[in-house]
Amino acid sequence: MSEPFATVDDLEKRWHVLSLSERGQASVLLEDASALIRAQSPWQSLDSGLLRSIVCAMVKRAMNMGESAGVSVTSQNVGGVSESFTFANPNGDLYFTAQERKLLKIGTQTARSLPLQEGL
């Protein structure tokens, strides 16, 4: 298994001090996020700081679901007042934003040219 692009310490510097259980979860998610990048991106040609930043952002989004695990929409009614919420990432999935996909060169088109030999 390859090393993750970021450490738990890197995540804490970008977010907050993690509890012991959060550190364990973060460690696994950092590995998973790094594996996703390796599977979908030409990561070898990218800056290590960029990879570290994106992995930390992905893990922060996944861990930031709080009490909303599995919930996508909720509403409350009290008297004549109602409130409704839609959670951005209710399942704590790891995903790339559009900007991250662009930075990681995921889904971008590349053009190549091949030299033609005479006489074929």
PDB file of N, CA and C in Angstrom:
ATOM      1  N   MET A   1       0.840  -1.189   0.000  1.00  0.00           N
ATOM      2  CA  MET A   1       0.000   0.000   0.000  1.00  0.00           C
ATOM      3  C   MET A   1       0.882   1.249   0.000  1.00  0.00           C
ATOM      4  N   SER A   2       0.517   2.221  -0.777  1.00  0.00           N
ATOM      5  CA  SER A   2       1.258   3.473  -0.868  1.00  0.00           C
ATOM      6  C   SER A   2       0.905   4.395   0.295  1.00  0.00           C
ATOM      7  N   GLU A   3       1.840   5.261   0.602  1.00  0.00           N
ATOM      8  CA  GLU A   3       1.615   6.243   1.662  1.00  0.00           C
ATOM      9  C   GLU A   3       0.554   7.254   1.225  1.00  0.00           C
ATOM     10  N   PRO A   4      -0.287   7.707   2.161  1.00  0.00           N
ATOM     11  CA  PRO A   4      -1.262   8.748   1.816  1.00  0.00           C
ATOM     12  C   PRO A   4      -0.537  10.060   1.478  1.00  0.00           C
ATOM     13  N   PHE A   5      -1.202  10.903   0.715  1.00  0.00           N
ATOM     14  CA  PHE A   5      -0.620  12.188   0.328  1.00  0.00           C
ATOM     15  C   PHE A   5      -0.597  13.180   1.487  1.00  0.00           C
ATOM     16  N   ALA A   6      -1.327  12.905   2.561  1.00  0.00           N
ATOM     17  CA  ALA A   6      -1.379  13.798   3.720  1.00  0.00           C
ATOM     18  C   ALA A   6      -1.424  12.960   4.994  1.00  0.00           C
ATOM     19  N   THR A   7      -1.013  13.580   6.091  1.00  0.00           N
ATOM     20  CA  THR A   7      -1.034  12.929   7.397  1.00  0.00           C
ATOM     21  C   THR A   7      -2.160  13.503   8.243  1.00  0.00           C
ATOM     22  N   VAL A   8      -2.412  12.855   9.362  1.00  0.00           N
ATOM     23  CA  VAL A   8      -3.408  13.372  10.305  1.00  0.00           C
ATOM     24  C   VAL A   8      -2.979  14.748  10.796  1.00  0.00           C
ATOM     25  N   ASP A   9      -1.683  14.953  11.013  1.00  0.00           N
ATOM     26  CA  ASP A   9      -1.183  16.267  11.426  1.00  0.00           C
ATOM     27  C   ASP A   9      -1.472  17.331  10.369  1.00  0.00           C
ATOM     28  N   ASP A  10      -1.320  16.975   9.090  1.00  0.00           N
ATOM     29  CA  ASP A  10      -1.649  17.910   8.002  1.00  0.00           C
ATOM     30  C   ASP A  10      -3.121  18.303   8.066  1.00  0.00           C
ATOM     31  N   LEU A  11      -3.993  17.334   8.316  1.00  0.00           N
ATOM     32  CA  LEU A  11      -5.424  17.610   8.418  1.00  0.00           C
ATOM     33  C   LEU A  11      -5.710  18.520   9.601  1.00  0.00           C
ATOM     34  N   GLU A  12      -5.097  18.248  10.737  1.00  0.00           N
ATOM     35  CA  GLU A  12      -5.326  19.083  11.928  1.00  0.00           C
ATOM     36  C   GLU A  12      -4.889  20.528  11.686  1.00  0.00           C
ATOM     37  N   LYS A  13      -3.795  20.731  10.969  1.00  0.00           N
ATOM     38  CA  LYS A  13      -3.322  22.090  10.666  1.00  0.00           C
ATOM     39  C   LYS A  13      -4.327  22.857   9.817  1.00  0.00           C
ATOM     40  N   ARG A  14      -5.098  22.122   9.011  1.00  0.00           N
ATOM     41  CA  ARG A  14      -6.057  22.760   8.112  1.00  0.00           C
ATOM     42  C   ARG A  14      -7.470  22.821   8.686  1.00  0.00           C
ATOM     43  N   TRP A  15      -7.693  22.167   9.825  1.00  0.00           N
ATOM     44  CA  TRP A  15      -9.062  22.073  10.350  1.00  0.00           C
ATOM     45  C   TRP A  15      -9.094  22.340  11.840  1.00  0.00           C
ATOM     46  N   HIS A  16      -8.940  21.318  12.672  1.00  0.00           N
ATOM     47  CA  HIS A  16      -8.925  21.479  14.131  1.00  0.00           C
ATOM     48  C   HIS A  16      -8.239  20.265  14.758  1.00  0.00           C
ATOM     49  N   VAL A  17      -7.919  20.374  16.046  1.00  0.00           N
ATOM     50  CA  VAL A  17      -7.313  19.250  16.748  1.00  0.00           C
ATOM     51  C   VAL A  17      -8.340  18.127  16.825  1.00  0.00           C
ATOM     52  N   LEU A  18      -7.934  16.932  16.453  1.00  0.00           N
ATOM     53  CA  LEU A  18      -8.840  15.794  16.395  1.00  0.00           C
ATOM     54  C   LEU A  18      -8.768  14.971  17.672  1.00  0.00           C
ATOM     55  N   SER A  19      -9.897  14.410  18.053  1.00  0.00           N
ATOM     56  CA  SER A  19      -9.931  13.489  19.185  1.00  0.00           C
ATOM     57  C   SER A  19      -9.246  12.185  18.764  1.00  0.00           C
ATOM     58  N   LEU A  20      -9.009  11.303  19.720  1.00  0.00           N
ATOM     59  CA  LEU A  20      -8.353  10.037  19.422  1.00  0.00           C
ATOM     60  C   LEU A  20      -9.149   9.219  18.408  1.00  0.00           C
ATOM     61  N   SER A  21     -10.478   9.149  18.578  1.00  0.00           N
ATOM     62  CA  SER A  21     -11.294   8.374  17.627  1.00  0.00           C
ATOM     63  C   SER A  21     -11.336   9.054  16.259  1.00  0.00           C
ATOM     64  N   GLU A  22     -11.357  10.394  16.238  1.00  0.00           N
ATOM     65  CA  GLU A  22     -11.330  11.117  14.959  1.00  0.00           C
ATOM     66  C   GLU A  22     -10.007  10.882  14.237  1.00  0.00           C
ATOM     67  N   ARG A  23      -8.916  10.799  14.994  1.00  0.00           N
ATOM     68  CA  ARG A  23      -7.601  10.564  14.380  1.00  0.00           C
ATOM     69  C   ARG A  23      -7.576   9.213  13.666  1.00  0.00           C
ATOM     70  N   GLY A  24      -8.174   8.201  14.284  1.00  0.00           N
ATOM     71  CA  GLY A  24      -8.232   6.882  13.653  1.00  0.00           C
ATOM     72  C   GLY A  24      -9.045   6.900  12.377  1.00  0.00           C
ATOM     73  N   GLN A  25     -10.200   7.560  12.440  1.00  0.00           N
ATOM     74  CA  GLN A  25     -11.058   7.665  11.251  1.00  0.00           C
ATOM     75  C   GLN A  25     -10.350   8.472  10.164  1.00  0.00           C
ATOM     76  N   ALA A  26      -9.709   9.570  10.555  1.00  0.00           N
ATOM     77  CA  ALA A  26      -9.009  10.422   9.589  1.00  0.00           C
ATOM     78  C   ALA A  26      -7.891   9.653   8.892  1.00  0.00           C
ATOM     79  N   SER A  27      -7.180   8.850   9.630  1.00  0.00           N
ATOM     80  CA  SER A  27      -6.079   8.074   9.054  1.00  0.00           C
ATOM     81  C   SER A  27      -6.571   7.168   7.928  1.00  0.00           C
ATOM     82  N   VAL A  28      -7.672   6.488   8.168  1.00  0.00           N
ATOM     83  CA  VAL A  28      -8.247   5.602   7.151  1.00  0.00           C
ATOM     84  C   VAL A  28      -8.745   6.406   5.955  1.00  0.00           C
ATOM     85  N   LEU A  29      -9.427   7.505   6.222  1.00  0.00           N
ATOM     86  CA  LEU A  29      -9.978   8.326   5.134  1.00  0.00           C
ATOM     87  C   LEU A  29      -8.870   8.979   4.305  1.00  0.00           C
ATOM     88  N   LEU A  30      -7.767   9.357   4.935  1.00  0.00           N
ATOM     89  CA  LEU A  30      -6.635   9.919   4.182  1.00  0.00           C
ATOM     90  C   LEU A  30      -6.075   8.889   3.204  1.00  0.00           C
ATOM     91  N   GLU A  31      -5.997   7.638   3.642  1.00  0.00           N
ATOM     92  CA  GLU A  31      -5.555   6.561   2.749  1.00  0.00           C
ATOM     93  C   GLU A  31      -6.546   6.379   1.602  1.00  0.00           C
ATOM     94  N   ASP A  32      -7.849   6.368   1.935  1.00  0.00           N
ATOM     95  CA  ASP A  32      -8.878   6.168   0.909  1.00  0.00           C
ATOM     96  C   ASP A  32      -8.884   7.307  -0.114  1.00  0.00           C
ATOM     97  N   ALA A  33      -8.798   8.549   0.373  1.00  0.00           N
ATOM     98  CA  ALA A  33      -8.799   9.707  -0.529  1.00  0.00           C
ATOM     99  C   ALA A  33      -7.576   9.672  -1.440  1.00  0.00           C
ATOM    100  N   SER A  34      -6.440   9.301  -0.893  1.00  0.00           N
ATOM    101  CA  SER A  34      -5.214   9.198  -1.699  1.00  0.00           C
ATOM    102  C   SER A  34      -5.355   8.114  -2.762  1.00  0.00           C
ATOM    103  N   ALA A  35      -5.978   7.000  -2.399  1.00  0.00           N
ATOM    104  CA  ALA A  35      -6.193   5.914  -3.364  1.00  0.00           C
ATOM    105  C   ALA A  35      -7.125   6.364  -4.486  1.00  0.00           C
ATOM    106  N   LEU A  36      -8.147   7.150  -4.162  1.00  0.00           N
ATOM    107  CA  LEU A  36      -9.051   7.674  -5.199  1.00  0.00           C
ATOM    108  C   LEU A  36      -8.295   8.555  -6.182  1.00  0.00           C
ATOM    109  N   ILE A  37      -7.422   9.389  -5.667  1.00  0.00           N
ATOM    110  CA  ILE A  37      -6.634  10.252  -6.550  1.00  0.00           C
ATOM    111  C   ILE A  37      -5.719   9.410  -7.435  1.00  0.00           C
ATOM    112  N   ARG A  38      -5.060   8.433  -6.847  1.00  0.00           N
ATOM    113  CA  ARG A  38      -4.169   7.577  -7.636  1.00  0.00           C
ATOM    114  C   ARG A  38      -4.920   6.834  -8.738  1.00  0.00           C
ATOM    115  N   ALA A  39      -6.157   6.461  -8.458  1.00  0.00           N
ATOM    116  CA  ALA A  39      -6.941   5.697  -9.430  1.00  0.00           C
ATOM    117  C   ALA A  39      -7.497   6.563 -10.561  1.00  0.00           C
ATOM    118  N   GLN A  40      -7.689   7.862 -10.318  1.00  0.00           N
ATOM    119  CA  GLN A  40      -8.396   8.684 -11.298  1.00  0.00           C
ATOM    120  C   GLN A  40      -7.585   9.825 -11.891  1.00  0.00           C
ATOM    121  N   SER A  41      -6.388  10.058 -11.395  1.00  0.00           N
ATOM    122  CA  SER A  41      -5.648  11.248 -11.783  1.00  0.00           C
ATOM    123  C   SER A  41      -4.225  10.910 -12.208  1.00  0.00           C
ATOM    124  N   PRO A  42      -3.645  11.735 -13.083  1.00  0.00           N
ATOM    125  CA  PRO A  42      -2.216  11.595 -13.384  1.00  0.00           C
ATOM    126  C   PRO A  42      -1.402  12.266 -12.266  1.00  0.00           C
ATOM    127  N   TRP A  43      -1.529  11.760 -11.060  1.00  0.00           N
ATOM    128  CA  TRP A  43      -1.005  12.394  -9.860  1.00  0.00           C
ATOM    129  C   TRP A  43       0.513  12.544  -9.840  1.00  0.00           C
ATOM    130  N   GLN A  44       1.245  11.714 -10.572  1.00  0.00           N
ATOM    131  CA  GLN A  44       2.709  11.776 -10.553  1.00  0.00           C
ATOM    132  C   GLN A  44       3.224  13.128 -11.023  1.00  0.00           C
ATOM    133  N   SER A  45       2.469  13.787 -11.876  1.00  0.00           N
ATOM    134  CA  SER A  45       2.916  15.068 -12.430  1.00  0.00           C
ATOM    135  C   SER A  45       2.418  16.269 -11.626  1.00  0.00           C
ATOM    136  N   LEU A  46       1.749  16.023 -10.499  1.00  0.00           N
ATOM    137  CA  LEU A  46       1.154  17.111  -9.717  1.00  0.00           C
ATOM    138  C   LEU A  46       1.997  17.443  -8.489  1.00  0.00           C
ATOM    139  N   ASP A  47       1.891  18.672  -8.038  1.00  0.00           N
ATOM    140  CA  ASP A  47       2.609  19.167  -6.872  1.00  0.00           C
ATOM    141  C   ASP A  47       2.144  18.451  -5.605  1.00  0.00           C
ATOM    142  N   SER A  48       3.076  18.035  -4.766  1.00  0.00           N
ATOM    143  CA  SER A  48       2.727  17.310  -3.536  1.00  0.00           C
ATOM    144  C   SER A  48       1.900  18.169  -2.582  1.00  0.00           C
ATOM    145  N   GLY A  49       2.135  19.473  -2.570  1.00  0.00           N
ATOM    146  CA  GLY A  49       1.341  20.374  -1.725  1.00  0.00           C
ATOM    147  C   GLY A  49      -0.115  20.428  -2.166  1.00  0.00           C
ATOM    148  N   LEU A  50      -0.338  20.413  -3.474  1.00  0.00           N
ATOM    149  CA  LEU A  50      -1.693  20.397  -4.016  1.00  0.00           C
ATOM    150  C   LEU A  50      -2.391  19.094  -3.628  1.00  0.00           C
ATOM    151  N   LEU A  51      -1.707  17.979  -3.780  1.00  0.00           N
ATOM    152  CA  LEU A  51      -2.284  16.679  -3.418  1.00  0.00           C
ATOM    153  C   LEU A  51      -2.627  16.634  -1.929  1.00  0.00           C
ATOM    154  N   ARG A  52      -1.732  17.141  -1.099  1.00  0.00           N
ATOM    155  CA  ARG A  52      -1.968  17.172   0.348  1.00  0.00           C
ATOM    156  C   ARG A  52      -3.199  18.009   0.673  1.00  0.00           C
ATOM    157  N   SER A  53      -3.300  19.168   0.064  1.00  0.00           N
ATOM    158  CA  SER A  53      -4.423  20.070   0.303  1.00  0.00           C
ATOM    159  C   SER A  53      -5.757  19.443  -0.105  1.00  0.00           C
ATOM    160  N   ILE A  54      -5.798  18.826  -1.267  1.00  0.00           N
ATOM    161  CA  ILE A  54      -7.041  18.227  -1.766  1.00  0.00           C
ATOM    162  C   ILE A  54      -7.446  17.029  -0.919  1.00  0.00           C
ATOM    163  N   VAL A  55      -6.485  16.187  -0.541  1.00  0.00           N
ATOM    164  CA  VAL A  55      -6.810  15.036   0.308  1.00  0.00           C
ATOM    165  C   VAL A  55      -7.382  15.511   1.643  1.00  0.00           C
ATOM    166  N   CYS A  56      -6.778  16.528   2.231  1.00  0.00           N
ATOM    167  CA  CYS A  56      -7.289  17.056   3.506  1.00  0.00           C
ATOM    168  C   CYS A  56      -8.700  17.625   3.343  1.00  0.00           C
ATOM    169  N   ALA A  57      -8.955  18.337   2.254  1.00  0.00           N
ATOM    170  CA  ALA A  57     -10.294  18.899   2.018  1.00  0.00           C
ATOM    171  C   ALA A  57     -11.332  17.796   1.854  1.00  0.00           C
ATOM    172  N   MET A  58     -10.969  16.735   1.147  1.00  0.00           N
ATOM    173  CA  MET A  58     -11.893  15.611   0.954  1.00  0.00           C
ATOM    174  C   MET A  58     -12.243  14.957   2.294  1.00  0.00           C
ATOM    175  N   VAL A  59     -11.228  14.741   3.115  1.00  0.00           N
ATOM    176  CA  VAL A  59     -11.448  14.090   4.409  1.00  0.00           C
ATOM    177  C   VAL A  59     -12.244  14.998   5.333  1.00  0.00           C
ATOM    178  N   LYS A  60     -11.956  16.277   5.322  1.00  0.00           N
ATOM    179  CA  LYS A  60     -12.718  17.222   6.151  1.00  0.00           C
ATOM    180  C   LYS A  60     -14.200  17.182   5.775  1.00  0.00           C
ATOM    181  N   ARG A  61     -14.508  17.172   4.473  1.00  0.00           N
ATOM    182  CA  ARG A  61     -15.913  17.098   4.042  1.00  0.00           C
ATOM    183  C   ARG A  61     -16.568  15.813   4.534  1.00  0.00           C
ATOM    184  N   ALA A  62     -15.838  14.708   4.431  1.00  0.00           N
ATOM    185  CA  ALA A  62     -16.397  13.414   4.836  1.00  0.00           C
ATOM    186  C   ALA A  62     -16.641  13.360   6.341  1.00  0.00           C
ATOM    187  N   MET A  63     -15.744  13.943   7.107  1.00  0.00           N
ATOM    188  CA  MET A  63     -15.868  13.879   8.562  1.00  0.00           C
ATOM    189  C   MET A  63     -16.786  14.961   9.119  1.00  0.00           C
ATOM    190  N   ASN A  64     -17.084  15.957   8.337  1.00  0.00           N
ATOM    191  CA  ASN A  64     -17.860  17.107   8.798  1.00  0.00           C
ATOM    192  C   ASN A  64     -19.362  16.862   8.770  1.00  0.00           C
ATOM    193  N   MET A  65     -19.786  15.629   8.537  1.00  0.00           N
ATOM    194  CA  MET A  65     -21.210  15.346   8.450  1.00  0.00           C
ATOM    195  C   MET A  65     -21.901  15.433   9.795  1.00  0.00           C
ATOM    196  N   GLY A  66     -21.144  15.295  10.887  1.00  0.00           N
ATOM    197  CA  GLY A  66     -21.709  15.438  12.224  1.00  0.00           C
ATOM    198  C   GLY A  66     -22.827  14.461  12.503  1.00  0.00           C
ATOM    199  N   GLU A  67     -23.917  14.969  13.015  1.00  0.00           N
ATOM    200  CA  GLU A  67     -25.056  14.139  13.410  1.00  0.00           C
ATOM    201  C   GLU A  67     -25.973  13.796  12.242  1.00  0.00           C
ATOM    202  N   SER A  68     -25.635  14.215  11.050  1.00  0.00           N
ATOM    203  CA  SER A  68     -26.539  14.062   9.911  1.00  0.00           C
ATOM    204  C   SER A  68     -26.327  12.769   9.134  1.00  0.00           C
ATOM    205  N   ALA A  69     -25.611  11.805   9.690  1.00  0.00           N
ATOM    206  CA  ALA A  69     -25.286  10.582   8.964  1.00  0.00           C
ATOM    207  C   ALA A  69     -26.518   9.927   8.358  1.00  0.00           C
ATOM    208  N   GLY A  70     -26.500   9.766   7.045  1.00  0.00           N
ATOM    209  CA  GLY A  70     -27.584   9.091   6.347  1.00  0.00           C
ATOM    210  C   GLY A  70     -28.809   9.931   6.065  1.00  0.00           C
ATOM    211  N   VAL A  71     -28.839  11.178   6.530  1.00  0.00           N
ATOM    212  CA  VAL A  71     -30.005  12.050   6.348  1.00  0.00           C
ATOM    213  C   VAL A  71     -29.712  13.028   5.229  1.00  0.00           C
ATOM    214  N   SER A  72     -30.627  13.150   4.269  1.00  0.00           N
ATOM    215  CA  SER A  72     -30.411  14.135   3.220  1.00  0.00           C
ATOM    216  C   SER A  72     -31.336  15.334   3.365  1.00  0.00           C
ATOM    217  N   VAL A  73     -32.533  15.146   3.894  1.00  0.00           N
ATOM    218  CA  VAL A  73     -33.470  16.258   4.093  1.00  0.00           C
ATOM    219  C   VAL A  73     -34.185  16.034   5.411  1.00  0.00           C
ATOM    220  N   THR A  74     -34.346  17.100   6.167  1.00  0.00           N
ATOM    221  CA  THR A  74     -35.116  17.045   7.407  1.00  0.00           C
ATOM    222  C   THR A  74     -35.926  18.329   7.529  1.00  0.00           C
ATOM    223  N   SER A  75     -37.059  18.269   8.205  1.00  0.00           N
ATOM    224  CA  SER A  75     -37.856  19.476   8.428  1.00  0.00           C
ATOM    225  C   SER A  75     -38.442  19.440   9.823  1.00  0.00           C
ATOM    226  N   GLN A  76     -38.675  20.631  10.368  1.00  0.00           N
ATOM    227  CA  GLN A  76     -39.273  20.785  11.688  1.00  0.00           C
ATOM    228  C   GLN A  76     -40.396  21.788  11.589  1.00  0.00           C
ATOM    229  N   ASN A  77     -41.489  21.519  12.270  1.00  0.00           N
ATOM    230  CA  ASN A  77     -42.618  22.440  12.321  1.00  0.00           C
ATOM    231  C   ASN A  77     -42.960  22.711  13.776  1.00  0.00           C
ATOM    232  N   VAL A  78     -43.000  23.973  14.153  1.00  0.00           N
ATOM    233  CA  VAL A  78     -43.403  24.381  15.496  1.00  0.00           C
ATOM    234  C   VAL A  78     -44.391  25.520  15.322  1.00  0.00           C
ATOM    235  N   GLY A  79     -45.627  25.274  15.717  1.00  0.00           N
ATOM    236  CA  GLY A  79     -46.654  26.294  15.512  1.00  0.00           C
ATOM    237  C   GLY A  79     -46.790  26.582  14.033  1.00  0.00           C
ATOM    238  N   GLY A  80     -46.686  27.830  13.651  1.00  0.00           N
ATOM    239  CA  GLY A  80     -46.797  28.218  12.253  1.00  0.00           C
ATOM    240  C   GLY A  80     -45.461  28.372  11.558  1.00  0.00           C
ATOM    241  N   VAL A  81     -44.394  28.011  12.236  1.00  0.00           N
ATOM    242  CA  VAL A  81     -43.062  28.196  11.671  1.00  0.00           C
ATOM    243  C   VAL A  81     -42.484  26.839  11.285  1.00  0.00           C
ATOM    244  N   SER A  82     -41.950  26.755  10.070  1.00  0.00           N
ATOM    245  CA  SER A  82     -41.318  25.499   9.647  1.00  0.00           C
ATOM    246  C   SER A  82     -39.892  25.778   9.190  1.00  0.00           C
ATOM    247  N   GLU A  83     -39.071  24.774   9.359  1.00  0.00           N
ATOM    248  CA  GLU A  83     -37.670  24.845   8.976  1.00  0.00           C
ATOM    249  C   GLU A  83     -37.320  23.571   8.237  1.00  0.00           C
ATOM    250  N   SER A  84     -36.539  23.671   7.173  1.00  0.00           N
ATOM    251  CA  SER A  84     -36.083  22.451   6.515  1.00  0.00           C
ATOM    252  C   SER A  84     -34.616  22.593   6.159  1.00  0.00           C
ATOM    253  N   PHE A  85     -33.918  21.453   6.181  1.00  0.00           N
ATOM    254  CA  PHE A  85     -32.490  21.416   5.917  1.00  0.00           C
ATOM    255  C   PHE A  85     -32.194  20.301   4.930  1.00  0.00           C
ATOM    256  N   THR A  86     -31.247  20.558   4.043  1.00  0.00           N
ATOM    257  CA  THR A  86     -30.709  19.525   3.169  1.00  0.00           C
ATOM    258  C   THR A  86     -29.219  19.456   3.465  1.00  0.00           C
ATOM    259  N   PHE A  87     -28.736  18.281   3.832  1.00  0.00           N
ATOM    260  CA  PHE A  87     -27.339  18.129   4.198  1.00  0.00           C
ATOM    261  C   PHE A  87     -26.500  17.869   2.946  1.00  0.00           C
ATOM    262  N   ALA A  88     -25.326  18.505   2.902  1.00  0.00           N
ATOM    263  CA  ALA A  88     -24.468  18.433   1.722  1.00  0.00           C
ATOM    264  C   ALA A  88     -23.873  17.044   1.497  1.00  0.00           C
ATOM    265  N   ASN A  89     -23.501  16.364   2.560  1.00  0.00           N
ATOM    266  CA  ASN A  89     -22.844  15.063   2.423  1.00  0.00           C
ATOM    267  C   ASN A  89     -23.306  14.150   3.551  1.00  0.00           C
ATOM    268  N   PRO A  90     -24.576  13.734   3.521  1.00  0.00           N
ATOM    269  CA  PRO A  90     -25.129  13.005   4.658  1.00  0.00           C
ATOM    270  C   PRO A  90     -24.502  11.643   4.921  1.00  0.00           C
ATOM    271  N   ASN A  91     -23.862  11.044   3.937  1.00  0.00           N
ATOM    272  CA  ASN A  91     -23.263   9.725   4.129  1.00  0.00           C
ATOM    273  C   ASN A  91     -21.765   9.781   4.392  1.00  0.00           C
ATOM    274  N   GLY A  92     -21.206  10.977   4.412  1.00  0.00           N
ATOM    275  CA  GLY A  92     -19.772  11.111   4.658  1.00  0.00           C
ATOM    276  C   GLY A  92     -18.906  10.551   3.553  1.00  0.00           C
ATOM    277  N   ASP A  93     -19.377  10.672   2.312  1.00  0.00           N
ATOM    278  CA  ASP A  93     -18.631  10.152   1.164  1.00  0.00           C
ATOM    279  C   ASP A  93     -17.413  11.016   0.858  1.00  0.00           C
ATOM    280  N   LEU A  94     -16.387  10.393   0.316  1.00  0.00           N
ATOM    281  CA  LEU A  94     -15.241  11.118  -0.211  1.00  0.00           C
ATOM    282  C   LEU A  94     -15.562  11.480  -1.655  1.00  0.00           C
ATOM    283  N   TYR A  95     -15.417  12.746  -2.001  1.00  0.00           N
ATOM    284  CA  TYR A  95     -15.691  13.160  -3.376  1.00  0.00           C
ATOM    285  C   TYR A  95     -14.831  14.361  -3.736  1.00  0.00           C
ATOM    286  N   PHE A  96     -14.708  14.583  -5.044  1.00  0.00           N
ATOM    287  CA  PHE A  96     -13.974  15.722  -5.571  1.00  0.00           C
ATOM    288  C   PHE A  96     -14.954  16.826  -5.927  1.00  0.00           C
ATOM    289  N   THR A  97     -14.606  18.078  -5.615  1.00  0.00           N
ATOM    290  CA  THR A  97     -15.382  19.204  -6.106  1.00  0.00           C
ATOM    291  C   THR A  97     -15.001  19.428  -7.574  1.00  0.00           C
ATOM    292  N   ALA A  98     -15.758  20.248  -8.259  1.00  0.00           N
ATOM    293  CA  ALA A  98     -15.442  20.553  -9.661  1.00  0.00           C
ATOM    294  C   ALA A  98     -14.045  21.174  -9.770  1.00  0.00           C
ATOM    295  N   GLN A  99     -13.714  22.064  -8.850  1.00  0.00           N
ATOM    296  CA  GLN A  99     -12.394  22.703  -8.867  1.00  0.00           C
ATOM    297  C   GLN A  99     -11.282  21.678  -8.639  1.00  0.00           C
ATOM    298  N   GLU A 100     -11.501  20.757  -7.705  1.00  0.00           N
ATOM    299  CA  GLU A 100     -10.494  19.726  -7.450  1.00  0.00           C
ATOM    300  C   GLU A 100     -10.316  18.814  -8.657  1.00  0.00           C
ATOM    301  N   ARG A 101     -11.406  18.459  -9.326  1.00  0.00           N
ATOM    302  CA  ARG A 101     -11.314  17.628 -10.537  1.00  0.00           C
ATOM    303  C   ARG A 101     -10.455  18.336 -11.591  1.00  0.00           C
ATOM    304  N   LYS A 102     -10.653  19.634 -11.710  1.00  0.00           N
ATOM    305  CA  LYS A 102      -9.884  20.410 -12.680  1.00  0.00           C
ATOM    306  C   LYS A 102      -8.399  20.430 -12.292  1.00  0.00           C
ATOM    307  N   LEU A 103      -8.115  20.693 -11.010  1.00  0.00           N
ATOM    308  CA  LEU A 103      -6.730  20.739 -10.547  1.00  0.00           C
ATOM    309  C   LEU A 103      -6.030  19.382 -10.673  1.00  0.00           C
ATOM    310  N   LEU A 104      -6.796  18.313 -10.457  1.00  0.00           N
ATOM    311  CA  LEU A 104      -6.241  16.955 -10.548  1.00  0.00           C
ATOM    312  C   LEU A 104      -6.227  16.410 -11.975  1.00  0.00           C
ATOM    313  N   LYS A 105      -6.749  17.207 -12.907  1.00  0.00           N
ATOM    314  CA  LYS A 105      -6.806  16.829 -14.319  1.00  0.00           C
ATOM    315  C   LYS A 105      -7.633  15.566 -14.538  1.00  0.00           C
ATOM    316  N   ILE A 106      -8.717  15.465 -13.794  1.00  0.00           N
ATOM    317  CA  ILE A 106      -9.628  14.329 -13.933  1.00  0.00           C
ATOM    318  C   ILE A 106     -10.701  14.703 -14.949  1.00  0.00           C
ATOM    319  N   GLY A 107     -10.851  13.893 -15.959  1.00  0.00           N
ATOM    320  CA  GLY A 107     -11.873  14.149 -16.971  1.00  0.00           C
ATOM    321  C   GLY A 107     -11.478  15.190 -18.000  1.00  0.00           C
ATOM    322  N   THR A 108     -10.232  15.624 -17.974  1.00  0.00           N
ATOM    323  CA  THR A 108      -9.798  16.594 -18.978  1.00  0.00           C
ATOM    324  C   THR A 108      -9.362  15.862 -20.234  1.00  0.00           C
ATOM    325  N   GLN A 109      -9.545  16.501 -21.341  1.00  0.00           N
ATOM    326  CA  GLN A 109      -9.157  15.908 -22.609  1.00  0.00           C
ATOM    327  C   GLN A 109      -7.719  16.287 -22.929  1.00  0.00           C
ATOM    328  N   THR A 110      -7.009  15.368 -23.513  1.00  0.00           N
ATOM    329  CA  THR A 110      -5.653  15.652 -23.955  1.00  0.00           C
ATOM    330  C   THR A 110      -5.552  15.322 -25.439  1.00  0.00           C
ATOM    331  N   ALA A 111      -4.734  16.079 -26.123  1.00  0.00           N
ATOM    332  CA  ALA A 111      -4.516  15.834 -27.554  1.00  0.00           C
ATOM    333  C   ALA A 111      -3.075  15.372 -27.745  1.00  0.00           C
ATOM    334  N   ARG A 112      -2.899  14.450 -28.636  1.00  0.00           N
ATOM    335  CA  ARG A 112      -1.571  13.950 -28.952  1.00  0.00           C
ATOM    336  C   ARG A 112      -1.410  13.893 -30.448  1.00  0.00           C
ATOM    337  N   SER A 113      -0.172  13.988 -30.885  1.00  0.00           N
ATOM    338  CA  SER A 113       0.080  13.842 -32.308  1.00  0.00           C
ATOM    339  C   SER A 113       1.052  12.691 -32.505  1.00  0.00           C
ATOM    340  N   LEU A 114       0.858  11.983 -33.557  1.00  0.00           N
ATOM    341  CA  LEU A 114       1.721  10.858 -33.894  1.00  0.00           C
ATOM    342  C   LEU A 114       2.392  11.153 -35.222  1.00  0.00           C
ATOM    343  N   PRO A 115       3.699  10.929 -35.306  1.00  0.00           N
ATOM    344  CA  PRO A 115       4.375  11.151 -36.582  1.00  0.00           C
ATOM    345  C   PRO A 115       3.955  10.064 -37.584  1.00  0.00           C
ATOM    346  N   LEU A 116       3.708  10.500 -38.770  1.00  0.00           N
ATOM    347  CA  LEU A 116       3.326   9.555 -39.836  1.00  0.00           C
ATOM    348  C   LEU A 116       4.553   9.212 -40.652  1.00  0.00           C
ATOM    349  N   GLN A 117       4.680   7.953 -40.979  1.00  0.00           N
ATOM    350  CA  GLN A 117       5.809   7.536 -41.808  1.00  0.00           C
ATOM    351  C   GLN A 117       5.403   7.585 -43.273  1.00  0.00           C
ATOM    352  N   GLU A 118       6.343   8.002 -44.092  1.00  0.00           N
ATOM    353  CA  GLU A 118       6.057   8.056 -45.517  1.00  0.00           C
ATOM    354  C   GLU A 118       5.980   6.650 -46.086  1.00  0.00           C
ATOM    355  N   GLY A 119       5.133   6.466 -47.071  1.00  0.00           N
ATOM    356  CA  GLY A 119       5.029   5.214 -47.771  1.00  0.00           C
ATOM    357  C   GLY A 119       4.053   4.226 -47.151  1.00  0.00           C
ATOM    358  N   LEU A 120       3.321   4.620 -46.163  1.00  0.00           N
ATOM    359  CA  LEU A 120       2.323   3.690 -45.580  1.00  0.00           C
ATOM    360  C   LEU A 120       0.972   3.926 -46.172  1.00  0.00           C
TER     361      LEU A 120
END
